[in-house]
Amino acid sequence: MMKLKRSARIAELTRIFIENPRTPFQLSYFSEQFDVAKSSISEDIAILEEYFRERGLGEVITTAGASGGVKYIPRLKIEEAREWMLHEIERLAVPERILPGGFLYMSDLLGETSFIRGVGKIFAEAFAEVKADMILTVETKGIPIALATALYLNIPMVVVRRDNKVTEGTTVSVNYVSGSSGRIQTMSLSRRSVPQNSRVLILDDFMKAGGTTKGMINMLKEFHAECVGVGVLVEMAEPVEKLVTDYISLAKLSEVDEVKQTISVELGSFFKIFEK
């Protein structure tokens, strides 16, 4: 690469860090890329570190020593996440979203890149310390949420299917009881997708009674993998007793009145943790 001015180097460093979160880089890598001394790269990174910290965008962590390096850890201020989610809750609570049976239409939001990016940032912040090896979700509406979070955590995403696909190769199937309907259903997962002893984060778009999530947790046992966290975008307030107890939600749907055409949505359990 041609020799760049400091302003151009900082711009390029910013791009590399944002596109590769939580990925360690040796200072020698940047030194070779930009054809400058490591000391100059260290000064550039110090400028970025201060800027990211002041703007609440994350941390640039540098490790000293011969094998030292640097990596960018995206962060999100809880106050900003709360404000953003309150705005999205207003969008969720419009009467036009009411579906028969007390459900909400959310497909438009789940296909909106800015919404999915915001949800991914919050989940990445919520589960930043669990050290997950991958994210597991179930087809189909949980996929964009899981993928956005996987991008910020820089880990793979795996999809549980409701039926077998020949392209998945050998699969493992488990039966589970739907918490909302009480019916026995089946889900399957490719045997190659989850290595043994993996630490897995489960994400989904909606939880009513938790039957699907419970099924995914049981599925992981077949792979000798560990569930290290569960997150859902929206949970139903009823039933209060879920089949899964240890999870976080970003929003809670407490009431949908099809007659009065009213919806009651509030912040989920993730934000309650930080309430004084």
C-alpha atoms as a PDB file:
ATOM      1  CA  MET A   1       0.000   0.000   0.000  1.00  0.00           C
ATOM      2  CA  MET A   2       1.206   3.498  -0.799  1.00  0.00           C
ATOM      3  CA  LYS A   3       2.353   5.653   2.086  1.00  0.00           C
ATOM      4  CA  LEU A   4      -0.574   7.519   3.623  1.00  0.00           C
ATOM      5  CA  LYS A   5      -0.902  10.696   5.606  1.00  0.00           C
ATOM      6  CA  ARG A   6      -1.905  10.336   9.257  1.00  0.00           C
ATOM      7  CA  SER A   7      -5.491  11.416   8.563  1.00  0.00           C
ATOM      8  CA  ALA A   8      -5.823   8.739   5.874  1.00  0.00           C
ATOM      9  CA  ARG A   9      -4.226   6.107   8.127  1.00  0.00           C
ATOM     10  CA  ILE A  10      -6.673   6.871  10.929  1.00  0.00           C
ATOM     11  CA  ALA A  11      -9.592   6.617   8.505  1.00  0.00           C
ATOM     12  CA  GLU A  12      -8.310   3.259   7.262  1.00  0.00           C
ATOM     13  CA  LEU A  13      -7.696   2.015  10.810  1.00  0.00           C
ATOM     14  CA  THR A  14     -11.262   2.979  11.716  1.00  0.00           C
ATOM     15  CA  ARG A  15     -12.613   0.992   8.763  1.00  0.00           C
ATOM     16  CA  ILE A  16     -10.548  -2.077   9.635  1.00  0.00           C
ATOM     17  CA  PHE A  17     -11.551  -2.031  13.304  1.00  0.00           C
ATOM     18  CA  ILE A  18     -15.272  -1.543  12.621  1.00  0.00           C
ATOM     19  CA  GLU A  19     -15.347  -4.263   9.970  1.00  0.00           C
ATOM     20  CA  ASN A  20     -13.431  -6.675  12.234  1.00  0.00           C
ATOM     21  CA  PRO A  21     -14.650  -6.187  15.817  1.00  0.00           C
ATOM     22  CA  ARG A  22     -12.910  -8.187  18.547  1.00  0.00           C
ATOM     23  CA  THR A  23     -10.256  -9.361  16.075  1.00  0.00           C
ATOM     24  CA  PRO A  24      -6.665  -8.970  17.360  1.00  0.00           C
ATOM     25  CA  PHE A  25      -4.148  -7.360  14.988  1.00  0.00           C
ATOM     26  CA  GLN A  26      -0.396  -7.238  15.391  1.00  0.00           C
ATOM     27  CA  LEU A  27       1.090  -3.756  15.148  1.00  0.00           C
ATOM     28  CA  SER A  28       3.471  -5.157  12.547  1.00  0.00           C
ATOM     29  CA  TYR A  29       0.469  -5.848  10.301  1.00  0.00           C
ATOM     30  CA  PHE A  30      -0.475  -2.172  10.213  1.00  0.00           C
ATOM     31  CA  SER A  31       3.156  -1.137   9.945  1.00  0.00           C
ATOM     32  CA  GLU A  32       3.562  -3.225   6.806  1.00  0.00           C
ATOM     33  CA  GLN A  33       0.231  -2.175   5.368  1.00  0.00           C
ATOM     34  CA  PHE A  34       0.921   1.532   5.743  1.00  0.00           C
ATOM     35  CA  ASP A  35       4.720   1.411   5.379  1.00  0.00           C
ATOM     36  CA  VAL A  36       5.340   3.350   8.587  1.00  0.00           C
ATOM     37  CA  ALA A  37       7.063   2.653  11.895  1.00  0.00           C
ATOM     38  CA  LYS A  38       5.210   0.882  14.709  1.00  0.00           C
ATOM     39  CA  SER A  39       5.623   4.002  16.838  1.00  0.00           C
ATOM     40  CA  SER A  40       3.565   5.981  14.314  1.00  0.00           C
ATOM     41  CA  ILE A  41       0.875   3.294  14.314  1.00  0.00           C
ATOM     42  CA  SER A  42       0.790   3.393  18.121  1.00  0.00           C
ATOM     43  CA  GLU A  43       0.203   7.156  18.013  1.00  0.00           C
ATOM     44  CA  ASP A  44      -2.598   6.709  15.458  1.00  0.00           C
ATOM     45  CA  ILE A  45      -4.257   4.069  17.601  1.00  0.00           C
ATOM     46  CA  ALA A  46      -3.987   6.279  20.698  1.00  0.00           C
ATOM     47  CA  ILE A  47      -5.936   8.981  18.858  1.00  0.00           C
ATOM     48  CA  LEU A  48      -8.616   6.475  17.858  1.00  0.00           C
ATOM     49  CA  GLU A  49      -8.784   5.045  21.358  1.00  0.00           C
ATOM     50  CA  GLU A  50      -9.484   8.451  22.876  1.00  0.00           C
ATOM     51  CA  TYR A  51     -12.094   9.297  20.228  1.00  0.00           C
ATOM     52  CA  PHE A  52     -13.960   5.982  20.553  1.00  0.00           C
ATOM     53  CA  ARG A  53     -13.978   6.265  24.345  1.00  0.00           C
ATOM     54  CA  GLU A  54     -15.247   9.862  24.390  1.00  0.00           C
ATOM     55  CA  ARG A  55     -17.987   9.087  21.859  1.00  0.00           C
ATOM     56  CA  GLY A  56     -19.047   5.906  23.638  1.00  0.00           C
ATOM     57  CA  LEU A  57     -18.340   3.829  20.527  1.00  0.00           C
ATOM     58  CA  GLY A  58     -16.186   1.232  22.219  1.00  0.00           C
ATOM     59  CA  GLU A  59     -12.694   0.408  23.370  1.00  0.00           C
ATOM     60  CA  VAL A  60      -9.428  -0.043  21.509  1.00  0.00           C
ATOM     61  CA  ILE A  61      -7.436  -2.460  23.655  1.00  0.00           C
ATOM     62  CA  THR A  62      -3.674  -2.694  23.218  1.00  0.00           C
ATOM     63  CA  THR A  63      -1.605  -5.556  24.615  1.00  0.00           C
ATOM     64  CA  ALA A  64       2.069  -4.866  25.253  1.00  0.00           C
ATOM     65  CA  GLY A  65       4.987  -7.216  24.645  1.00  0.00           C
ATOM     66  CA  ALA A  66       6.579  -9.033  21.736  1.00  0.00           C
ATOM     67  CA  SER A  67       3.312 -10.794  20.912  1.00  0.00           C
ATOM     68  CA  GLY A  68       1.227  -7.721  21.689  1.00  0.00           C
ATOM     69  CA  GLY A  69      -1.499  -6.433  19.458  1.00  0.00           C
ATOM     70  CA  VAL A  70      -4.633  -4.338  19.313  1.00  0.00           C
ATOM     71  CA  LYS A  71      -8.352  -5.015  18.918  1.00  0.00           C
ATOM     72  CA  TYR A  72     -11.552  -2.992  18.844  1.00  0.00           C
ATOM     73  CA  ILE A  73     -14.406  -3.858  21.216  1.00  0.00           C
ATOM     74  CA  PRO A  74     -17.707  -2.187  20.228  1.00  0.00           C
ATOM     75  CA  ARG A  75     -19.623  -0.787  23.191  1.00  0.00           C
ATOM     76  CA  LEU A  76     -22.998   0.865  23.638  1.00  0.00           C
ATOM     77  CA  LYS A  77     -24.095   3.226  26.394  1.00  0.00           C
ATOM     78  CA  ILE A  78     -27.156   1.869  28.202  1.00  0.00           C
ATOM     79  CA  GLU A  79     -28.764   5.322  28.211  1.00  0.00           C
ATOM     80  CA  GLU A  80     -28.528   5.510  24.430  1.00  0.00           C
ATOM     81  CA  ALA A  81     -29.851   1.958  24.072  1.00  0.00           C
ATOM     82  CA  ARG A  82     -32.801   2.773  26.340  1.00  0.00           C
ATOM     83  CA  GLU A  83     -33.658   5.933  24.400  1.00  0.00           C
ATOM     84  CA  TRP A  84     -33.447   4.081  21.084  1.00  0.00           C
ATOM     85  CA  MET A  85     -35.618   1.211  22.322  1.00  0.00           C
ATOM     86  CA  LEU A  86     -38.273   3.558  23.700  1.00  0.00           C
ATOM     87  CA  HIS A  87     -38.542   5.117  20.262  1.00  0.00           C
ATOM     88  CA  GLU A  88     -38.901   1.678  18.656  1.00  0.00           C
ATOM     89  CA  ILE A  89     -41.542   0.684  21.213  1.00  0.00           C
ATOM     90  CA  GLU A  90     -43.644   3.615  20.011  1.00  0.00           C
ATOM     91  CA  ARG A  91     -43.411   2.167  16.516  1.00  0.00           C
ATOM     92  CA  LEU A  92     -44.438  -1.249  17.834  1.00  0.00           C
ATOM     93  CA  ALA A  93     -47.479   0.072  19.688  1.00  0.00           C
ATOM     94  CA  VAL A  94     -49.510   1.274  16.691  1.00  0.00           C
ATOM     95  CA  PRO A  95     -52.928  -0.426  16.290  1.00  0.00           C
ATOM     96  CA  GLU A  96     -52.216  -1.416  12.688  1.00  0.00           C
ATOM     97  CA  ARG A  97     -49.797  -4.065  13.977  1.00  0.00           C
ATOM     98  CA  ILE A  98     -52.460  -6.077  15.823  1.00  0.00           C
ATOM     99  CA  LEU A  99     -52.881  -9.609  14.472  1.00  0.00           C
ATOM    100  CA  PRO A 100     -55.528 -12.188  15.415  1.00  0.00           C
ATOM    101  CA  GLY A 101     -54.664 -14.006  18.622  1.00  0.00           C
ATOM    102  CA  GLY A 102     -52.957 -11.046  20.267  1.00  0.00           C
ATOM    103  CA  PHE A 103     -49.757 -11.098  18.216  1.00  0.00           C
ATOM    104  CA  LEU A 104     -47.923  -8.199  16.602  1.00  0.00           C
ATOM    105  CA  TYR A 105     -46.876  -7.746  13.009  1.00  0.00           C
ATOM    106  CA  MET A 106     -43.110  -7.143  13.097  1.00  0.00           C
ATOM    107  CA  SER A 107     -41.900  -8.391   9.720  1.00  0.00           C
ATOM    108  CA  ASP A 108     -41.359  -4.876   8.396  1.00  0.00           C
ATOM    109  CA  LEU A 109     -39.072  -3.992  11.321  1.00  0.00           C
ATOM    110  CA  LEU A 110     -37.179  -7.262  11.063  1.00  0.00           C
ATOM    111  CA  GLY A 111     -36.426  -6.394   7.460  1.00  0.00           C
ATOM    112  CA  GLU A 112     -35.332  -2.841   8.232  1.00  0.00           C
ATOM    113  CA  THR A 113     -31.546  -2.591   8.357  1.00  0.00           C
ATOM    114  CA  SER A 114     -31.405   0.314  10.822  1.00  0.00           C
ATOM    115  CA  PHE A 115     -33.719  -1.512  13.256  1.00  0.00           C
ATOM    116  CA  ILE A 116     -31.822  -4.788  13.020  1.00  0.00           C
ATOM    117  CA  ARG A 117     -28.502  -2.985  13.427  1.00  0.00           C
ATOM    118  CA  GLY A 118     -29.774  -1.344  16.634  1.00  0.00           C
ATOM    119  CA  VAL A 119     -31.044  -4.637  18.050  1.00  0.00           C
ATOM    120  CA  GLY A 120     -27.747  -6.324  17.197  1.00  0.00           C
ATOM    121  CA  LYS A 121     -25.777  -3.623  19.009  1.00  0.00           C
ATOM    122  CA  ILE A 122     -27.875  -3.990  22.158  1.00  0.00           C
ATOM    123  CA  PHE A 123     -27.660  -7.787  22.252  1.00  0.00           C
ATOM    124  CA  ALA A 124     -23.914  -7.612  21.576  1.00  0.00           C
ATOM    125  CA  GLU A 125     -23.567  -5.283  24.554  1.00  0.00           C
ATOM    126  CA  ALA A 126     -25.825  -7.439  26.729  1.00  0.00           C
ATOM    127  CA  PHE A 127     -23.822 -10.598  26.049  1.00  0.00           C
ATOM    128  CA  ALA A 128     -20.365  -9.098  25.575  1.00  0.00           C
ATOM    129  CA  GLU A 129     -18.926 -10.915  28.591  1.00  0.00           C
ATOM    130  CA  VAL A 130     -20.377 -14.420  28.142  1.00  0.00           C
ATOM    131  CA  LYS A 131     -17.649 -15.372  25.631  1.00  0.00           C
ATOM    132  CA  ALA A 132     -19.987 -17.235  23.285  1.00  0.00           C
ATOM    133  CA  ASP A 133     -18.489 -19.254  20.436  1.00  0.00           C
ATOM    134  CA  MET A 134     -21.582 -18.943  18.251  1.00  0.00           C
ATOM    135  CA  ILE A 135     -25.213 -17.820  18.102  1.00  0.00           C
ATOM    136  CA  LEU A 136     -28.157 -20.186  17.647  1.00  0.00           C
ATOM    137  CA  THR A 137     -31.583 -19.141  16.391  1.00  0.00           C
ATOM    138  CA  VAL A 138     -34.613 -20.786  14.813  1.00  0.00           C
ATOM    139  CA  GLU A 139     -35.948 -20.054  11.359  1.00  0.00           C
ATOM    140  CA  THR A 140     -37.113 -17.648  10.180  1.00  0.00           C
ATOM    141  CA  LYS A 141     -37.698 -14.317  11.939  1.00  0.00           C
ATOM    142  CA  GLY A 142     -34.899 -14.804  14.423  1.00  0.00           C
ATOM    143  CA  ILE A 143     -32.306 -14.957  11.648  1.00  0.00           C
ATOM    144  CA  PRO A 144     -31.778 -11.206  11.045  1.00  0.00           C
ATOM    145  CA  ILE A 145     -31.498 -10.543  14.791  1.00  0.00           C
ATOM    146  CA  ALA A 146     -28.967 -13.336  15.266  1.00  0.00           C
ATOM    147  CA  LEU A 147     -26.974 -12.304  12.196  1.00  0.00           C
ATOM    148  CA  ALA A 148     -26.727  -8.644  13.269  1.00  0.00           C
ATOM    149  CA  THR A 149     -25.569  -9.657  16.745  1.00  0.00           C
ATOM    150  CA  ALA A 150     -23.084 -12.134  15.285  1.00  0.00           C
ATOM    151  CA  LEU A 151     -21.550  -9.325  13.224  1.00  0.00           C
ATOM    152  CA  TYR A 152     -20.913  -7.200  16.321  1.00  0.00           C
ATOM    153  CA  LEU A 153     -19.628 -10.145  18.362  1.00  0.00           C
ATOM    154  CA  ASN A 154     -17.688 -11.473  15.352  1.00  0.00           C
ATOM    155  CA  ILE A 155     -18.825 -15.076  15.869  1.00  0.00           C
ATOM    156  CA  PRO A 156     -20.701 -17.570  13.628  1.00  0.00           C
ATOM    157  CA  MET A 157     -24.482 -17.945  13.499  1.00  0.00           C
ATOM    158  CA  VAL A 158     -26.314 -21.275  13.215  1.00  0.00           C
ATOM    159  CA  VAL A 159     -29.983 -21.785  12.280  1.00  0.00           C
ATOM    160  CA  VAL A 160     -32.234 -24.494  13.706  1.00  0.00           C
ATOM    161  CA  ARG A 161     -34.749 -25.675  11.109  1.00  0.00           C
ATOM    162  CA  ARG A 162     -38.282 -26.876  11.641  1.00  0.00           C
ATOM    163  CA  ASP A 163     -37.848 -29.593   9.003  1.00  0.00           C
ATOM    164  CA  ASN A 164     -34.934 -31.518   7.529  1.00  0.00           C
ATOM    165  CA  LYS A 165     -33.092 -30.204   4.465  1.00  0.00           C
ATOM    166  CA  VAL A 166     -30.946 -32.464   2.297  1.00  0.00           C
ATOM    167  CA  THR A 167     -28.352 -29.682   2.061  1.00  0.00           C
ATOM    168  CA  GLU A 168     -27.800 -29.865   5.837  1.00  0.00           C
ATOM    169  CA  GLY A 169     -26.306 -33.342   5.701  1.00  0.00           C
ATOM    170  CA  THR A 170     -26.772 -35.534   8.766  1.00  0.00           C
ATOM    171  CA  THR A 171     -29.037 -33.824  11.272  1.00  0.00           C
ATOM    172  CA  VAL A 172     -30.109 -34.206  14.880  1.00  0.00           C
ATOM    173  CA  SER A 173     -33.818 -33.786  15.564  1.00  0.00           C
ATOM    174  CA  VAL A 174     -35.608 -33.235  18.860  1.00  0.00           C
ATOM    175  CA  ASN A 175     -39.256 -33.001  19.783  1.00  0.00           C
ATOM    176  CA  TYR A 176     -40.481 -30.164  21.948  1.00  0.00           C
ATOM    177  CA  VAL A 177     -43.785 -28.968  23.320  1.00  0.00           C
ATOM    178  CA  SER A 178     -44.910 -25.567  22.131  1.00  0.00           C
ATOM    179  CA  GLY A 179     -45.594 -23.506  25.232  1.00  0.00           C
ATOM    180  CA  SER A 180     -48.289 -21.473  23.493  1.00  0.00           C
ATOM    181  CA  SER A 181     -50.250 -24.231  21.711  1.00  0.00           C
ATOM    182  CA  GLY A 182     -49.282 -27.296  23.747  1.00  0.00           C
ATOM    183  CA  ARG A 183     -48.572 -29.229  20.547  1.00  0.00           C
ATOM    184  CA  ILE A 184     -45.546 -31.439  20.027  1.00  0.00           C
ATOM    185  CA  GLN A 185     -43.293 -30.094  17.279  1.00  0.00           C
ATOM    186  CA  THR A 186     -39.907 -31.021  15.829  1.00  0.00           C
ATOM    187  CA  MET A 187     -36.739 -29.041  15.156  1.00  0.00           C
ATOM    188  CA  SER A 188     -33.515 -30.197  13.532  1.00  0.00           C
ATOM    189  CA  LEU A 189     -29.905 -29.049  13.371  1.00  0.00           C
ATOM    190  CA  SER A 190     -27.002 -30.154  11.193  1.00  0.00           C
ATOM    191  CA  ARG A 191     -24.609 -32.376  13.106  1.00  0.00           C
ATOM    192  CA  ARG A 192     -21.646 -30.443  11.678  1.00  0.00           C
ATOM    193  CA  SER A 193     -22.884 -27.037  12.792  1.00  0.00           C
ATOM    194  CA  VAL A 194     -22.100 -27.085  16.528  1.00  0.00           C
ATOM    195  CA  PRO A 195     -18.775 -28.530  17.754  1.00  0.00           C
ATOM    196  CA  GLN A 196     -18.756 -30.296  21.109  1.00  0.00           C
ATOM    197  CA  ASN A 197     -18.215 -28.133  24.195  1.00  0.00           C
ATOM    198  CA  SER A 198     -19.232 -24.973  22.315  1.00  0.00           C
ATOM    199  CA  ARG A 199     -20.536 -22.005  24.276  1.00  0.00           C
ATOM    200  CA  VAL A 200     -23.745 -21.000  22.517  1.00  0.00           C
ATOM    201  CA  LEU A 201     -25.895 -17.877  22.742  1.00  0.00           C
ATOM    202  CA  ILE A 202     -29.584 -18.335  21.808  1.00  0.00           C
ATOM    203  CA  LEU A 203     -31.487 -15.424  20.246  1.00  0.00           C
ATOM    204  CA  ASP A 204     -35.027 -15.155  18.890  1.00  0.00           C
ATOM    205  CA  ASP A 205     -37.537 -12.517  17.898  1.00  0.00           C
ATOM    206  CA  PHE A 206     -40.487 -13.492  20.104  1.00  0.00           C
ATOM    207  CA  MET A 207     -41.248 -15.517  23.222  1.00  0.00           C
ATOM    208  CA  LYS A 208     -44.685 -16.389  24.488  1.00  0.00           C
ATOM    209  CA  ALA A 209     -44.263 -19.368  26.831  1.00  0.00           C
ATOM    210  CA  GLY A 210     -40.688 -20.303  25.924  1.00  0.00           C
ATOM    211  CA  GLY A 211     -41.323 -23.708  24.351  1.00  0.00           C
ATOM    212  CA  THR A 212     -39.190 -23.071  21.265  1.00  0.00           C
ATOM    213  CA  THR A 213     -36.313 -21.702  23.325  1.00  0.00           C
ATOM    214  CA  LYS A 214     -36.516 -24.689  25.673  1.00  0.00           C
ATOM    215  CA  GLY A 215     -36.351 -26.943  22.630  1.00  0.00           C
ATOM    216  CA  MET A 216     -33.160 -25.232  21.431  1.00  0.00           C
ATOM    217  CA  ILE A 217     -31.577 -25.590  24.870  1.00  0.00           C
ATOM    218  CA  ASN A 218     -32.397 -29.311  24.827  1.00  0.00           C
ATOM    219  CA  MET A 219     -31.005 -29.531  21.297  1.00  0.00           C
ATOM    220  CA  LEU A 220     -27.649 -28.198  22.509  1.00  0.00           C
ATOM    221  CA  LYS A 221     -27.443 -31.015  25.048  1.00  0.00           C
ATOM    222  CA  GLU A 222     -27.400 -33.464  22.130  1.00  0.00           C
ATOM    223  CA  PHE A 223     -24.267 -31.703  20.894  1.00  0.00           C
ATOM    224  CA  HIS A 224     -22.677 -31.581  24.378  1.00  0.00           C
ATOM    225  CA  ALA A 225     -22.738 -27.796  24.042  1.00  0.00           C
ATOM    226  CA  GLU A 226     -23.551 -25.189  26.684  1.00  0.00           C
ATOM    227  CA  CYS A 227     -26.157 -22.449  26.484  1.00  0.00           C
ATOM    228  CA  VAL A 228     -24.496 -19.343  27.928  1.00  0.00           C
ATOM    229  CA  GLY A 229     -27.336 -16.884  27.388  1.00  0.00           C
ATOM    230  CA  VAL A 230     -30.817 -16.371  25.946  1.00  0.00           C
ATOM    231  CA  GLY A 231     -32.167 -13.159  24.462  1.00  0.00           C
ATOM    232  CA  VAL A 232     -35.472 -12.301  22.781  1.00  0.00           C
ATOM    233  CA  LEU A 233     -36.572  -9.110  21.113  1.00  0.00           C
ATOM    234  CA  VAL A 234     -40.148  -9.194  22.463  1.00  0.00           C
ATOM    235  CA  GLU A 235     -41.626 -11.339  25.219  1.00  0.00           C
ATOM    236  CA  MET A 236     -45.282 -11.749  26.141  1.00  0.00           C
ATOM    237  CA  ALA A 237     -46.173 -10.815  29.700  1.00  0.00           C
ATOM    238  CA  GLU A 238     -48.506 -13.814  29.858  1.00  0.00           C
ATOM    239  CA  PRO A 239     -48.001 -16.535  30.792  1.00  0.00           C
ATOM    240  CA  VAL A 240     -45.893 -15.267  33.656  1.00  0.00           C
ATOM    241  CA  GLU A 241     -44.368 -18.707  34.243  1.00  0.00           C
ATOM    242  CA  LYS A 242     -42.212 -19.403  31.197  1.00  0.00           C
ATOM    243  CA  LEU A 243     -40.598 -22.712  30.309  1.00  0.00           C
ATOM    244  CA  VAL A 244     -37.294 -20.806  30.340  1.00  0.00           C
ATOM    245  CA  THR A 245     -36.399 -18.663  33.347  1.00  0.00           C
ATOM    246  CA  ASP A 246     -32.925 -17.285  32.625  1.00  0.00           C
ATOM    247  CA  TYR A 247     -33.269 -14.887  29.675  1.00  0.00           C
ATOM    248  CA  ILE A 248     -33.402 -11.202  28.794  1.00  0.00           C
ATOM    249  CA  SER A 249     -35.833  -9.310  26.583  1.00  0.00           C
ATOM    250  CA  LEU A 250     -35.666  -5.883  24.965  1.00  0.00           C
ATOM    251  CA  ALA A 251     -39.427  -5.278  25.037  1.00  0.00           C
ATOM    252  CA  LYS A 252     -42.396  -6.766  26.885  1.00  0.00           C
ATOM    253  CA  LEU A 253     -45.834  -7.013  25.305  1.00  0.00           C
ATOM    254  CA  SER A 254     -48.292  -6.838  28.203  1.00  0.00           C
ATOM    255  CA  GLU A 255     -51.640  -6.346  26.468  1.00  0.00           C
ATOM    256  CA  VAL A 256     -53.161  -6.442  22.999  1.00  0.00           C
ATOM    257  CA  ASP A 257     -56.839  -5.461  22.889  1.00  0.00           C
ATOM    258  CA  GLU A 258     -58.272  -6.436  19.523  1.00  0.00           C
ATOM    259  CA  VAL A 259     -61.614  -4.776  20.322  1.00  0.00           C
ATOM    260  CA  LYS A 260     -60.267  -1.426  21.533  1.00  0.00           C
ATOM    261  CA  GLN A 261     -57.321  -1.657  19.129  1.00  0.00           C
ATOM    262  CA  THR A 262     -54.780  -0.816  21.821  1.00  0.00           C
ATOM    263  CA  ILE A 263     -51.322  -2.209  22.499  1.00  0.00           C
ATOM    264  CA  SER A 264     -49.294  -1.994  25.706  1.00  0.00           C
ATOM    265  CA  VAL A 265     -45.550  -2.428  25.255  1.00  0.00           C
ATOM    266  CA  GLU A 266     -42.831  -1.556  27.745  1.00  0.00           C
ATOM    267  CA  LEU A 267     -39.091  -1.950  28.087  1.00  0.00           C
ATOM    268  CA  GLY A 268     -37.926  -5.509  28.577  1.00  0.00           C
ATOM    269  CA  SER A 269     -35.963  -7.121  31.379  1.00  0.00           C
ATOM    270  CA  PHE A 270     -32.550  -6.097  30.008  1.00  0.00           C
ATOM    271  CA  PHE A 271     -33.272  -2.448  30.779  1.00  0.00           C
ATOM    272  CA  LYS A 272     -34.864  -3.240  34.137  1.00  0.00           C
ATOM    273  CA  ILE A 273     -31.494  -4.524  35.315  1.00  0.00           C
ATOM    274  CA  PHE A 274     -30.075  -1.006  35.148  1.00  0.00           C
ATOM    275  CA  GLU A 275     -32.995   0.787  36.775  1.00  0.00           C
ATOM    276  CA  LYS A 276     -32.158   2.344  40.121  1.00  0.00           C
END
